[in-house]
PDB file of N, CA and C in Angstrom:
ATOM      1  N   UNK A   1      96.954 -42.279 -47.680  1.00  0.00           N
ATOM      2  CA  UNK A   1      95.881 -43.251 -47.871  1.00  0.00           C
ATOM      3  C   UNK A   1      95.679 -44.024 -46.562  1.00  0.00           C
ATOM      4  N   UNK A   2      94.434 -44.183 -46.183  1.00  0.00           N
ATOM      5  CA  UNK A   2      94.103 -44.916 -44.957  1.00  0.00           C
ATOM      6  C   UNK A   2      94.097 -46.413 -45.204  1.00  0.00           C
ATOM      7  N   UNK A   3      94.532 -47.198 -44.228  1.00  0.00           N
ATOM      8  CA  UNK A   3      94.418 -48.654 -44.375  1.00  0.00           C
ATOM      9  C   UNK A   3      92.949 -49.055 -44.365  1.00  0.00           C
ATOM     10  N   UNK A   4      92.627 -50.144 -45.024  1.00  0.00           N
ATOM     11  CA  UNK A   4      91.246 -50.609 -45.153  1.00  0.00           C
ATOM     12  C   UNK A   4      90.550 -50.718 -43.805  1.00  0.00           C
ATOM     13  N   UNK A   5      91.241 -51.196 -42.791  1.00  0.00           N
ATOM     14  CA  UNK A   5      90.644 -51.370 -41.471  1.00  0.00           C
ATOM     15  C   UNK A   5      90.148 -50.075 -40.858  1.00  0.00           C
ATOM     16  N   UNK A   6      90.660 -48.926 -41.299  1.00  0.00           N
ATOM     17  CA  UNK A   6      90.254 -47.641 -40.747  1.00  0.00           C
ATOM     18  C   UNK A   6      88.819 -47.288 -41.122  1.00  0.00           C
ATOM     19  N   UNK A   7      88.262 -47.923 -42.116  1.00  0.00           N
ATOM     20  CA  UNK A   7      86.905 -47.628 -42.567  1.00  0.00           C
ATOM     21  C   UNK A   7      85.869 -48.630 -42.057  1.00  0.00           C
ATOM     22  N   UNK A   8      86.305 -49.631 -41.341  1.00  0.00           N
ATOM     23  CA  UNK A   8      85.398 -50.682 -40.906  1.00  0.00           C
ATOM     24  C   UNK A   8      84.506 -50.192 -39.774  1.00  0.00           C
ATOM     25  N   UNK A   9      83.218 -50.476 -39.868  1.00  0.00           N
ATOM     26  CA  UNK A   9      82.252 -50.152 -38.820  1.00  0.00           C
ATOM     27  C   UNK A   9      81.936 -51.406 -38.031  1.00  0.00           C
ATOM     28  N   UNK A  10      81.485 -51.215 -36.825  1.00  0.00           N
ATOM     29  CA  UNK A  10      81.131 -52.345 -35.991  1.00  0.00           C
ATOM     30  C   UNK A  10      79.685 -52.221 -35.539  1.00  0.00           C
ATOM     31  N   UNK A  11      78.974 -53.323 -35.533  1.00  0.00           N
ATOM     32  CA  UNK A  11      77.628 -53.399 -34.998  1.00  0.00           C
ATOM     33  C   UNK A  11      77.702 -54.202 -33.711  1.00  0.00           C
ATOM     34  N   UNK A  12      77.340 -53.604 -32.621  1.00  0.00           N
ATOM     35  CA  UNK A  12      77.391 -54.284 -31.343  1.00  0.00           C
ATOM     36  C   UNK A  12      76.011 -54.788 -30.963  1.00  0.00           C
ATOM     37  N   UNK A  13      75.913 -56.057 -30.638  1.00  0.00           N
ATOM     38  CA  UNK A  13      74.654 -56.621 -30.193  1.00  0.00           C
ATOM     39  C   UNK A  13      73.598 -56.756 -31.278  1.00  0.00           C
ATOM     40  N   UNK A  14      73.993 -56.716 -32.539  1.00  0.00           N
ATOM     41  CA  UNK A  14      73.023 -56.817 -33.629  1.00  0.00           C
ATOM     42  C   UNK A  14      72.672 -58.270 -33.894  1.00  0.00           C
ATOM     43  N   UNK A  15      71.409 -58.527 -34.083  1.00  0.00           N
ATOM     44  CA  UNK A  15      70.952 -59.870 -34.442  1.00  0.00           C
ATOM     45  C   UNK A  15      69.683 -59.749 -35.271  1.00  0.00           C
ATOM     46  N   UNK A  16      69.537 -60.628 -36.236  1.00  0.00           N
ATOM     47  CA  UNK A  16      68.299 -60.691 -37.013  1.00  0.00           C
ATOM     48  C   UNK A  16      67.331 -61.597 -36.256  1.00  0.00           C
ATOM     49  N   UNK A  17      66.124 -61.121 -36.056  1.00  0.00           N
ATOM     50  CA  UNK A  17      65.093 -61.926 -35.408  1.00  0.00           C
ATOM     51  C   UNK A  17      63.923 -62.059 -36.373  1.00  0.00           C
ATOM     52  N   UNK A  18      63.378 -63.263 -36.484  1.00  0.00           N
ATOM     53  CA  UNK A  18      62.306 -63.542 -37.433  1.00  0.00           C
ATOM     54  C   UNK A  18      60.998 -63.750 -36.685  1.00  0.00           C
ATOM     55  N   UNK A  19      59.941 -63.155 -37.223  1.00  0.00           N
ATOM     56  CA  UNK A  19      58.582 -63.375 -36.713  1.00  0.00           C
ATOM     57  C   UNK A  19      57.685 -63.739 -37.891  1.00  0.00           C
ATOM     58  N   UNK A  20      56.596 -64.422 -37.609  1.00  0.00           N
ATOM     59  CA  UNK A  20      55.670 -64.867 -38.654  1.00  0.00           C
ATOM     60  C   UNK A  20      54.251 -64.366 -38.361  1.00  0.00           C
ATOM     61  N   UNK A  21      54.035 -63.055 -38.440  1.00  0.00           N
ATOM     62  CA  UNK A  21      52.683 -62.541 -38.188  1.00  0.00           C
ATOM     63  C   UNK A  21      51.731 -62.950 -39.306  1.00  0.00           C
ATOM     64  N   UNK A  22      50.458 -63.008 -38.967  1.00  0.00           N
ATOM     65  CA  UNK A  22      49.449 -63.423 -39.944  1.00  0.00           C
ATOM     66  C   UNK A  22      48.528 -62.258 -40.284  1.00  0.00           C
ATOM     67  N   UNK A  23      48.004 -62.283 -41.489  1.00  0.00           N
ATOM     68  CA  UNK A  23      46.986 -61.325 -41.909  1.00  0.00           C
ATOM     69  C   UNK A  23      45.669 -61.765 -41.275  1.00  0.00           C
ATOM     70  N   UNK A  24      45.024 -60.842 -40.577  1.00  0.00           N
ATOM     71  CA  UNK A  24      43.768 -61.167 -39.908  1.00  0.00           C
ATOM     72  C   UNK A  24      42.758 -60.067 -40.194  1.00  0.00           C
ATOM     73  N   UNK A  25      41.661 -60.420 -40.846  1.00  0.00           N
ATOM     74  CA  UNK A  25      40.637 -59.441 -41.172  1.00  0.00           C
ATOM     75  C   UNK A  25      41.153 -58.316 -42.053  1.00  0.00           C
ATOM     76  N   UNK A  26      42.120 -58.609 -42.903  1.00  0.00           N
ATOM     77  CA  UNK A  26      42.696 -57.611 -43.794  1.00  0.00           C
ATOM     78  C   UNK A  26      43.794 -56.780 -43.164  1.00  0.00           C
ATOM     79  N   UNK A  27      44.103 -57.031 -41.894  1.00  0.00           N
ATOM     80  CA  UNK A  27      45.114 -56.238 -41.188  1.00  0.00           C
ATOM     81  C   UNK A  27      46.370 -57.067 -40.920  1.00  0.00           C
ATOM     82  N   UNK A  28      47.501 -56.389 -40.999  1.00  0.00           N
ATOM     83  CA  UNK A  28      48.787 -57.003 -40.704  1.00  0.00           C
ATOM     84  C   UNK A  28      49.562 -56.044 -39.819  1.00  0.00           C
ATOM     85  N   UNK A  29      50.074 -56.543 -38.683  1.00  0.00           N
ATOM     86  CA  UNK A  29      50.887 -55.727 -37.785  1.00  0.00           C
ATOM     87  C   UNK A  29      52.292 -56.304 -37.730  1.00  0.00           C
ATOM     88  N   UNK A  30      53.276 -55.439 -37.980  1.00  0.00           N
ATOM     89  CA  UNK A  30      54.678 -55.810 -37.877  1.00  0.00           C
ATOM     90  C   UNK A  30      55.241 -55.094 -36.652  1.00  0.00           C
ATOM     91  N   UNK A  31      55.561 -55.856 -35.606  1.00  0.00           N
ATOM     92  CA  UNK A  31      56.029 -55.304 -34.336  1.00  0.00           C
ATOM     93  C   UNK A  31      57.550 -55.335 -34.314  1.00  0.00           C
ATOM     94  N   UNK A  32      58.180 -54.162 -34.450  1.00  0.00           N
ATOM     95  CA  UNK A  32      59.637 -54.096 -34.520  1.00  0.00           C
ATOM     96  C   UNK A  32      60.321 -54.373 -33.190  1.00  0.00           C
ATOM     97  N   UNK A  33      59.563 -54.461 -32.097  1.00  0.00           N
ATOM     98  CA  UNK A  33      60.170 -54.849 -30.824  1.00  0.00           C
ATOM     99  C   UNK A  33      60.363 -56.362 -30.746  1.00  0.00           C
ATOM    100  N   UNK A  34      59.714 -57.094 -31.663  1.00  0.00           N
ATOM    101  CA  UNK A  34      59.809 -58.550 -31.658  1.00  0.00           C
ATOM    102  C   UNK A  34      60.722 -59.100 -32.741  1.00  0.00           C
ATOM    103  N   UNK A  35      60.872 -58.372 -33.858  1.00  0.00           N
ATOM    104  CA  UNK A  35      61.659 -58.905 -34.974  1.00  0.00           C
ATOM    105  C   UNK A  35      62.053 -57.784 -35.922  1.00  0.00           C
ATOM    106  N   UNK A  36      62.983 -58.117 -36.821  1.00  0.00           N
ATOM    107  CA  UNK A  36      63.346 -57.199 -37.907  1.00  0.00           C
ATOM    108  C   UNK A  36      63.286 -57.902 -39.262  1.00  0.00           C
ATOM    109  N   UNK A  37      62.868 -59.160 -39.247  1.00  0.00           N
ATOM    110  CA  UNK A  37      62.574 -59.921 -40.458  1.00  0.00           C
ATOM    111  C   UNK A  37      61.202 -60.551 -40.244  1.00  0.00           C
ATOM    112  N   UNK A  38      60.294 -60.325 -41.194  1.00  0.00           N
ATOM    113  CA  UNK A  38      58.931 -60.833 -41.054  1.00  0.00           C
ATOM    114  C   UNK A  38      58.597 -61.734 -42.236  1.00  0.00           C
ATOM    115  N   UNK A  39      58.233 -62.979 -41.945  1.00  0.00           N
ATOM    116  CA  UNK A  39      57.827 -63.953 -42.959  1.00  0.00           C
ATOM    117  C   UNK A  39      56.306 -64.029 -42.932  1.00  0.00           C
ATOM    118  N   UNK A  40      55.672 -63.517 -43.994  1.00  0.00           N
ATOM    119  CA  UNK A  40      54.215 -63.401 -44.019  1.00  0.00           C
ATOM    120  C   UNK A  40      53.654 -64.197 -45.187  1.00  0.00           C
ATOM    121  N   UNK A  41      52.641 -65.008 -44.903  1.00  0.00           N
ATOM    122  CA  UNK A  41      51.930 -65.736 -45.954  1.00  0.00           C
ATOM    123  C   UNK A  41      50.884 -64.808 -46.555  1.00  0.00           C
ATOM    124  N   UNK A  42      50.974 -64.594 -47.866  1.00  0.00           N
ATOM    125  CA  UNK A  42      49.971 -63.782 -48.567  1.00  0.00           C
ATOM    126  C   UNK A  42      48.791 -64.683 -48.915  1.00  0.00           C
ATOM    127  N   UNK A  43      47.966 -64.974 -47.929  1.00  0.00           N
ATOM    128  CA  UNK A  43      46.838 -65.880 -48.129  1.00  0.00           C
ATOM    129  C   UNK A  43      45.504 -65.162 -47.980  1.00  0.00           C
ATOM    130  N   UNK A  44      45.530 -63.839 -48.098  1.00  0.00           N
ATOM    131  CA  UNK A  44      44.318 -63.040 -48.014  1.00  0.00           C
ATOM    132  C   UNK A  44      44.631 -61.603 -48.357  1.00  0.00           C
ATOM    133  N   UNK A  45      43.591 -60.805 -48.521  1.00  0.00           N
ATOM    134  CA  UNK A  45      43.782 -59.384 -48.800  1.00  0.00           C
ATOM    135  C   UNK A  45      44.397 -58.699 -47.583  1.00  0.00           C
ATOM    136  N   UNK A  46      45.264 -57.708 -47.828  1.00  0.00           N
ATOM    137  CA  UNK A  46      45.833 -56.912 -46.749  1.00  0.00           C
ATOM    138  C   UNK A  46      45.531 -55.460 -47.074  1.00  0.00           C
ATOM    139  N   UNK A  47      44.660 -54.847 -46.276  1.00  0.00           N
ATOM    140  CA  UNK A  47      44.265 -53.469 -46.529  1.00  0.00           C
ATOM    141  C   UNK A  47      44.795 -52.504 -45.475  1.00  0.00           C
ATOM    142  N   UNK A  48      45.261 -53.023 -44.342  1.00  0.00           N
ATOM    143  CA  UNK A  48      45.799 -52.184 -43.275  1.00  0.00           C
ATOM    144  C   UNK A  48      47.118 -52.758 -42.788  1.00  0.00           C
ATOM    145  N   UNK A  49      48.191 -51.995 -42.968  1.00  0.00           N
ATOM    146  CA  UNK A  49      49.508 -52.392 -42.467  1.00  0.00           C
ATOM    147  C   UNK A  49      49.892 -51.452 -41.341  1.00  0.00           C
ATOM    148  N   UNK A  50      50.188 -52.028 -40.169  1.00  0.00           N
ATOM    149  CA  UNK A  50      50.639 -51.254 -39.021  1.00  0.00           C
ATOM    150  C   UNK A  50      52.055 -51.679 -38.691  1.00  0.00           C
ATOM    151  N   UNK A  51      52.947 -50.709 -38.584  1.00  0.00           N
ATOM    152  CA  UNK A  51      54.331 -50.968 -38.173  1.00  0.00           C
ATOM    153  C   UNK A  51      54.458 -50.365 -36.783  1.00  0.00           C
ATOM    154  N   UNK A  52      54.566 -51.221 -35.781  1.00  0.00           N
ATOM    155  CA  UNK A  52      54.522 -50.755 -34.401  1.00  0.00           C
ATOM    156  C   UNK A  52      55.887 -50.847 -33.716  1.00  0.00           C
ATOM    157  N   UNK A  53      55.998 -50.127 -32.606  1.00  0.00           N
ATOM    158  CA  UNK A  53      57.204 -50.107 -31.780  1.00  0.00           C
ATOM    159  C   UNK A  53      58.457 -49.777 -32.578  1.00  0.00           C
ATOM    160  N   UNK A  54      58.348 -48.727 -33.380  1.00  0.00           N
ATOM    161  CA  UNK A  54      59.475 -48.267 -34.184  1.00  0.00           C
ATOM    162  C   UNK A  54      60.437 -47.510 -33.265  1.00  0.00           C
ATOM    163  N   UNK A  55      61.730 -47.844 -33.296  1.00  0.00           N
ATOM    164  CA  UNK A  55      62.690 -47.113 -32.464  1.00  0.00           C
ATOM    165  C   UNK A  55      62.797 -45.647 -32.884  1.00  0.00           C
ATOM    166  N   UNK A  56      63.186 -44.803 -31.949  1.00  0.00           N
ATOM    167  CA  UNK A  56      63.436 -43.394 -32.258  1.00  0.00           C
ATOM    168  C   UNK A  56      64.638 -43.330 -33.196  1.00  0.00           C
ATOM    169  N   UNK A  57      64.543 -42.507 -34.220  1.00  0.00           N
ATOM    170  CA  UNK A  57      65.658 -42.352 -35.163  1.00  0.00           C
ATOM    171  C   UNK A  57      65.548 -43.340 -36.305  1.00  0.00           C
ATOM    172  N   UNK A  58      66.657 -44.018 -36.588  1.00  0.00           N
ATOM    173  CA  UNK A  58      66.728 -44.910 -37.748  1.00  0.00           C
ATOM    174  C   UNK A  58      66.252 -46.319 -37.409  1.00  0.00           C
ATOM    175  N   UNK A  59      65.584 -46.949 -38.390  1.00  0.00           N
ATOM    176  CA  UNK A  59      65.124 -48.331 -38.238  1.00  0.00           C
ATOM    177  C   UNK A  59      65.014 -48.951 -39.619  1.00  0.00           C
ATOM    178  N   UNK A  60      65.134 -50.268 -39.661  1.00  0.00           N
ATOM    179  CA  UNK A  60      64.941 -50.982 -40.925  1.00  0.00           C
ATOM    180  C   UNK A  60      64.411 -52.381 -40.622  1.00  0.00           C
ATOM    181  N   UNK A  61      63.739 -52.947 -41.622  1.00  0.00           N
ATOM    182  CA  UNK A  61      63.271 -54.325 -41.500  1.00  0.00           C
ATOM    183  C   UNK A  61      63.082 -54.902 -42.887  1.00  0.00           C
ATOM    184  N   UNK A  62      62.975 -56.218 -42.927  1.00  0.00           N
ATOM    185  CA  UNK A  62      62.786 -56.945 -44.179  1.00  0.00           C
ATOM    186  C   UNK A  62      61.488 -57.737 -44.087  1.00  0.00           C
ATOM    187  N   UNK A  63      60.768 -57.751 -45.199  1.00  0.00           N
ATOM    188  CA  UNK A  63      59.499 -58.461 -45.279  1.00  0.00           C
ATOM    189  C   UNK A  63      59.603 -59.526 -46.361  1.00  0.00           C
ATOM    190  N   UNK A  64      59.366 -60.787 -45.981  1.00  0.00           N
ATOM    191  CA  UNK A  64      59.321 -61.879 -46.968  1.00  0.00           C
ATOM    192  C   UNK A  64      57.866 -62.290 -47.122  1.00  0.00           C
ATOM    193  N   UNK A  65      57.349 -62.149 -48.333  1.00  0.00           N
ATOM    194  CA  UNK A  65      55.951 -62.469 -48.621  1.00  0.00           C
ATOM    195  C   UNK A  65      55.897 -63.733 -49.458  1.00  0.00           C
ATOM    196  N   UNK A  66      55.152 -64.723 -48.990  1.00  0.00           N
ATOM    197  CA  UNK A  66      54.978 -65.968 -49.735  1.00  0.00           C
ATOM    198  C   UNK A  66      53.550 -66.040 -50.234  1.00  0.00           C
ATOM    199  N   UNK A  67      53.398 -66.163 -51.554  1.00  0.00           N
ATOM    200  CA  UNK A  67      52.060 -66.209 -52.137  1.00  0.00           C
ATOM    201  C   UNK A  67      51.486 -67.618 -52.056  1.00  0.00           C
ATOM    202  N   UNK A  68      50.163 -67.698 -52.048  1.00  0.00           N
ATOM    203  CA  UNK A  68      49.494 -69.001 -52.060  1.00  0.00           C
ATOM    204  C   UNK A  68      48.993 -69.348 -53.457  1.00  0.00           C
ATOM    205  N   UNK A  69      49.422 -68.572 -54.457  1.00  0.00           N
ATOM    206  CA  UNK A  69      49.032 -68.853 -55.828  1.00  0.00           C
ATOM    207  C   UNK A  69      47.792 -68.111 -56.281  1.00  0.00           C
ATOM    208  N   UNK A  70      47.191 -67.326 -55.398  1.00  0.00           N
ATOM    209  CA  UNK A  70      45.998 -66.557 -55.751  1.00  0.00           C
ATOM    210  C   UNK A  70      46.347 -65.072 -55.766  1.00  0.00           C
ATOM    211  N   UNK A  71      45.494 -64.275 -56.379  1.00  0.00           N
ATOM    212  CA  UNK A  71      45.683 -62.836 -56.407  1.00  0.00           C
ATOM    213  C   UNK A  71      44.958 -62.235 -55.206  1.00  0.00           C
ATOM    214  N   UNK A  72      45.684 -61.510 -54.378  1.00  0.00           N
ATOM    215  CA  UNK A  72      45.108 -60.855 -53.206  1.00  0.00           C
ATOM    216  C   UNK A  72      45.425 -59.366 -53.277  1.00  0.00           C
ATOM    217  N   UNK A  73      44.461 -58.545 -52.856  1.00  0.00           N
ATOM    218  CA  UNK A  73      44.695 -57.102 -52.800  1.00  0.00           C
ATOM    219  C   UNK A  73      45.739 -56.808 -51.726  1.00  0.00           C
ATOM    220  N   UNK A  74      46.643 -55.892 -52.033  1.00  0.00           N
ATOM    221  CA  UNK A  74      47.705 -55.537 -51.096  1.00  0.00           C
ATOM    222  C   UNK A  74      47.821 -54.025 -51.120  1.00  0.00           C
ATOM    223  N   UNK A  75      47.414 -53.384 -50.038  1.00  0.00           N
ATOM    224  CA  UNK A  75      47.388 -51.924 -49.970  1.00  0.00           C
ATOM    225  C   UNK A  75      48.465 -51.438 -49.011  1.00  0.00           C
ATOM    226  N   UNK A  76      49.351 -50.593 -49.507  1.00  0.00           N
ATOM    227  CA  UNK A  76      50.438 -50.052 -48.693  1.00  0.00           C
ATOM    228  C   UNK A  76      50.001 -48.719 -48.092  1.00  0.00           C
ATOM    229  N   UNK A  77      50.428 -48.415 -46.858  1.00  0.00           N
ATOM    230  CA  UNK A  77      50.068 -47.130 -46.267  1.00  0.00           C
ATOM    231  C   UNK A  77      50.785 -45.970 -46.971  1.00  0.00           C
ATOM    232  N   UNK A  78      50.255 -44.765 -46.801  1.00  0.00           N
ATOM    233  CA  UNK A  78      50.839 -43.577 -47.428  1.00  0.00           C
ATOM    234  C   UNK A  78      52.240 -43.284 -46.915  1.00  0.00           C
ATOM    235  N   UNK A  79      52.606 -43.814 -45.761  1.00  0.00           N
ATOM    236  CA  UNK A  79      53.943 -43.572 -45.195  1.00  0.00           C
ATOM    237  C   UNK A  79      55.044 -44.344 -45.927  1.00  0.00           C
ATOM    238  N   UNK A  80      54.670 -45.258 -46.831  1.00  0.00           N
ATOM    239  CA  UNK A  80      55.656 -46.048 -47.585  1.00  0.00           C
ATOM    240  C   UNK A  80      55.935 -45.361 -48.913  1.00  0.00           C
ATOM    241  N   UNK A  81      57.194 -45.036 -49.140  1.00  0.00           N
ATOM    242  CA  UNK A  81      57.644 -44.360 -50.358  1.00  0.00           C
ATOM    243  C   UNK A  81      58.361 -45.378 -51.244  1.00  0.00           C
ATOM    244  N   UNK A  82      57.830 -45.604 -52.433  1.00  0.00           N
ATOM    245  CA  UNK A  82      58.410 -46.573 -53.369  1.00  0.00           C
ATOM    246  C   UNK A  82      59.358 -45.935 -54.375  1.00  0.00           C
ATOM    247  N   UNK A  83      59.555 -44.637 -54.305  1.00  0.00           N
ATOM    248  CA  UNK A  83      60.434 -43.973 -55.259  1.00  0.00           C
ATOM    249  C   UNK A  83      59.770 -43.827 -56.615  1.00  0.00           C
ATOM    250  N   UNK A  84      60.567 -43.487 -57.599  1.00  0.00           N
ATOM    251  CA  UNK A  84      60.031 -43.149 -58.921  1.00  0.00           C
ATOM    252  C   UNK A  84      59.446 -44.344 -59.674  1.00  0.00           C
ATOM    253  N   UNK A  85      59.817 -45.565 -59.303  1.00  0.00           N
ATOM    254  CA  UNK A  85      59.297 -46.745 -60.006  1.00  0.00           C
ATOM    255  C   UNK A  85      57.916 -47.172 -59.502  1.00  0.00           C
ATOM    256  N   UNK A  86      57.507 -46.664 -58.362  1.00  0.00           N
ATOM    257  CA  UNK A  86      56.205 -47.035 -57.814  1.00  0.00           C
ATOM    258  C   UNK A  86      56.246 -48.387 -57.118  1.00  0.00           C
ATOM    259  N   UNK A  87      55.124 -48.747 -56.538  1.00  0.00           N
ATOM    260  CA  UNK A  87      55.083 -50.007 -55.789  1.00  0.00           C
ATOM    261  C   UNK A  87      55.247 -51.205 -56.716  1.00  0.00           C
ATOM    262  N   UNK A  88      55.806 -52.297 -56.200  1.00  0.00           N
ATOM    263  CA  UNK A  88      56.082 -53.458 -57.040  1.00  0.00           C
ATOM    264  C   UNK A  88      54.832 -54.278 -57.343  1.00  0.00           C
ATOM    265  N   UNK A  89      54.913 -55.043 -58.408  1.00  0.00           N
ATOM    266  CA  UNK A  89      53.895 -56.038 -58.717  1.00  0.00           C
ATOM    267  C   UNK A  89      54.369 -57.328 -58.066  1.00  0.00           C
ATOM    268  N   UNK A  90      53.645 -57.773 -57.056  1.00  0.00           N
ATOM    269  CA  UNK A  90      54.053 -58.956 -56.298  1.00  0.00           C
ATOM    270  C   UNK A  90      53.685 -60.241 -57.032  1.00  0.00           C
ATOM    271  N   UNK A  91      54.416 -61.300 -56.732  1.00  0.00           N
ATOM    272  CA  UNK A  91      54.175 -62.607 -57.357  1.00  0.00           C
ATOM    273  C   UNK A  91      52.782 -63.120 -57.015  1.00  0.00           C
ATOM    274  N   UNK A  92      52.176 -63.846 -57.960  1.00  0.00           N
ATOM    275  CA  UNK A  92      50.831 -64.389 -57.733  1.00  0.00           C
ATOM    276  C   UNK A  92      50.720 -65.857 -58.113  1.00  0.00           C
ATOM    277  N   UNK A  93      51.792 -66.461 -58.619  1.00  0.00           N
ATOM    278  CA  UNK A  93      51.670 -67.860 -59.052  1.00  0.00           C
ATOM    279  C   UNK A  93      52.488 -68.774 -58.147  1.00  0.00           C
ATOM    280  N   UNK A  94      52.001 -69.981 -58.007  1.00  0.00           N
ATOM    281  CA  UNK A  94      52.715 -70.977 -57.206  1.00  0.00           C
ATOM    282  C   UNK A  94      52.880 -70.539 -55.764  1.00  0.00           C
ATOM    283  N   UNK A  95      53.983 -70.917 -55.168  1.00  0.00           N
ATOM    284  CA  UNK A  95      54.298 -70.502 -53.801  1.00  0.00           C
ATOM    285  C   UNK A  95      55.608 -69.728 -53.810  1.00  0.00           C
ATOM    286  N   UNK A  96      55.642 -68.696 -54.609  1.00  0.00           N
ATOM    287  CA  UNK A  96      56.855 -67.893 -54.737  1.00  0.00           C
ATOM    288  C   UNK A  96      56.972 -66.891 -53.597  1.00  0.00           C
ATOM    289  N   UNK A  97      58.230 -66.485 -53.336  1.00  0.00           N
ATOM    290  CA  UNK A  97      58.504 -65.537 -52.263  1.00  0.00           C
ATOM    291  C   UNK A  97      59.053 -64.241 -52.846  1.00  0.00           C
ATOM    292  N   UNK A  98      58.555 -63.125 -52.324  1.00  0.00           N
ATOM    293  CA  UNK A  98      59.050 -61.798 -52.664  1.00  0.00           C
ATOM    294  C   UNK A  98      59.687 -61.201 -51.410  1.00  0.00           C
ATOM    295  N   UNK A  99      60.805 -60.514 -51.588  1.00  0.00           N
ATOM    296  CA  UNK A  99      61.525 -59.890 -50.484  1.00  0.00           C
ATOM    297  C   UNK A  99      61.500 -58.376 -50.660  1.00  0.00           C
ATOM    298  N   UNK A 100      61.113 -57.661 -49.599  1.00  0.00           N
ATOM    299  CA  UNK A 100      61.044 -56.202 -49.637  1.00  0.00           C
ATOM    300  C   UNK A 100      61.747 -55.650 -48.392  1.00  0.00           C
ATOM    301  N   UNK A 101      62.545 -54.616 -48.585  1.00  0.00           N
ATOM    302  CA  UNK A 101      63.259 -53.973 -47.480  1.00  0.00           C
ATOM    303  C   UNK A 101      62.684 -52.583 -47.232  1.00  0.00           C
ATOM    304  N   UNK A 102      62.661 -52.185 -45.977  1.00  0.00           N
ATOM    305  CA  UNK A 102      62.128 -50.891 -45.555  1.00  0.00           C
ATOM    306  C   UNK A 102      63.161 -50.188 -44.672  1.00  0.00           C
ATOM    307  N   UNK A 103      63.343 -48.891 -44.879  1.00  0.00           N
ATOM    308  CA  UNK A 103      64.278 -48.098 -44.081  1.00  0.00           C
ATOM    309  C   UNK A 103      63.618 -46.772 -43.727  1.00  0.00           C
ATOM    310  N   UNK A 104      63.751 -46.369 -42.456  1.00  0.00           N
ATOM    311  CA  UNK A 104      63.260 -45.076 -42.005  1.00  0.00           C
ATOM    312  C   UNK A 104      64.361 -44.384 -41.215  1.00  0.00           C
ATOM    313  N   UNK A 105      64.503 -43.081 -41.412  1.00  0.00           N
ATOM    314  CA  UNK A 105      65.460 -42.327 -40.603  1.00  0.00           C
ATOM    315  C   UNK A 105      64.749 -41.301 -39.732  1.00  0.00           C
ATOM    316  N   UNK A 106      63.423 -41.396 -39.652  1.00  0.00           N
ATOM    317  CA  UNK A 106      62.657 -40.437 -38.852  1.00  0.00           C
ATOM    318  C   UNK A 106      61.650 -41.132 -37.933  1.00  0.00           C
ATOM    319  N   UNK A 107      62.063 -42.237 -37.357  1.00  0.00           N
ATOM    320  CA  UNK A 107      61.210 -42.921 -36.384  1.00  0.00           C
ATOM    321  C   UNK A 107      59.956 -43.543 -36.958  1.00  0.00           C
ATOM    322  N   UNK A 108      59.952 -43.825 -38.262  1.00  0.00           N
ATOM    323  CA  UNK A 108      58.816 -44.495 -38.891  1.00  0.00           C
ATOM    324  C   UNK A 108      57.764 -43.560 -39.456  1.00  0.00           C
ATOM    325  N   UNK A 109      58.020 -42.257 -39.444  1.00  0.00           N
ATOM    326  CA  UNK A 109      57.070 -41.329 -40.062  1.00  0.00           C
ATOM    327  C   UNK A 109      56.950 -41.631 -41.549  1.00  0.00           C
ATOM    328  N   UNK A 110      58.080 -41.889 -42.191  1.00  0.00           N
ATOM    329  CA  UNK A 110      58.098 -42.339 -43.588  1.00  0.00           C
ATOM    330  C   UNK A 110      59.049 -43.510 -43.714  1.00  0.00           C
ATOM    331  N   UNK A 111      58.730 -44.389 -44.648  1.00  0.00           N
ATOM    332  CA  UNK A 111      59.553 -45.568 -44.926  1.00  0.00           C
ATOM    333  C   UNK A 111      59.926 -45.559 -46.403  1.00  0.00           C
ATOM    334  N   UNK A 112      61.214 -45.635 -46.702  1.00  0.00           N
ATOM    335  CA  UNK A 112      61.653 -45.857 -48.079  1.00  0.00           C
ATOM    336  C   UNK A 112      61.680 -47.367 -48.279  1.00  0.00           C
ATOM    337  N   UNK A 113      60.981 -47.848 -49.290  1.00  0.00           N
ATOM    338  CA  UNK A 113      60.855 -49.284 -49.522  1.00  0.00           C
ATOM    339  C   UNK A 113      61.420 -49.636 -50.894  1.00  0.00           C
ATOM    340  N   UNK A 114      62.043 -50.807 -50.962  1.00  0.00           N
ATOM    341  CA  UNK A 114      62.577 -51.272 -52.234  1.00  0.00           C
ATOM    342  C   UNK A 114      62.540 -52.787 -52.290  1.00  0.00           C
ATOM    343  N   UNK A 115      62.411 -53.286 -53.491  1.00  0.00           N
ATOM    344  CA  UNK A 115      62.343 -54.733 -53.695  1.00  0.00           C
ATOM    345  C   UNK A 115      63.751 -55.300 -53.604  1.00  0.00           C
ATOM    346  N   UNK A 116      63.914 -56.286 -52.749  1.00  0.00           N
ATOM    347  CA  UNK A 116      65.190 -57.012 -52.649  1.00  0.00           C
ATOM    348  C   UNK A 116      65.235 -58.153 -53.633  1.00  0.00           C
ATOM    349  N   UNK A 117      64.058 -58.702 -53.961  1.00  0.00           N
ATOM    350  CA  UNK A 117      63.977 -59.786 -54.944  1.00  0.00           C
ATOM    351  C   UNK A 117      62.534 -60.232 -55.108  1.00  0.00           C
ATOM    352  N   UNK A 118      62.198 -60.652 -56.315  1.00  0.00           N
ATOM    353  CA  UNK A 118      60.853 -61.143 -56.616  1.00  0.00           C
ATOM    354  C   UNK A 118      60.912 -62.569 -57.147  1.00  0.00           C
ATOM    355  N   UNK A 119      59.886 -63.325 -56.872  1.00  0.00           N
ATOM    356  CA  UNK A 119      59.676 -64.666 -57.444  1.00  0.00           C
ATOM    357  C   UNK A 119      60.768 -65.662 -57.106  1.00  0.00           C
ATOM    358  N   UNK A 120      61.145 -65.739 -55.841  1.00  0.00           N
ATOM    359  CA  UNK A 120      62.102 -66.775 -55.417  1.00  0.00           C
ATOM    360  C   UNK A 120      61.377 -68.092 -55.232  1.00  0.00           C
TER     361      UNK A 120
END
């Protein structure tokens, strides 16, 4: 049997960086060269999502969406895979926050997405 320490992995130089991009004209751009956590106000429709500067190979990021209490259209690109449950129903009341995580192992060609939490 191996000691517990033999299984420990190390992350060198890892840091979470937060950016607050805004929806403009229905478009939202998440630039992975600037951050890996994005705090976005859902204060308008989002019909175009661009994920830019994706590293070669594996990448991941977290999206925190804060609603303004209104219902806004939210369209995900075809590259986002929600699995068998389909895309989530995002919060629409008050100023609640939804957390979504994205992971890609092919340089952003496809993203597996899952809800980390709804209605915080």
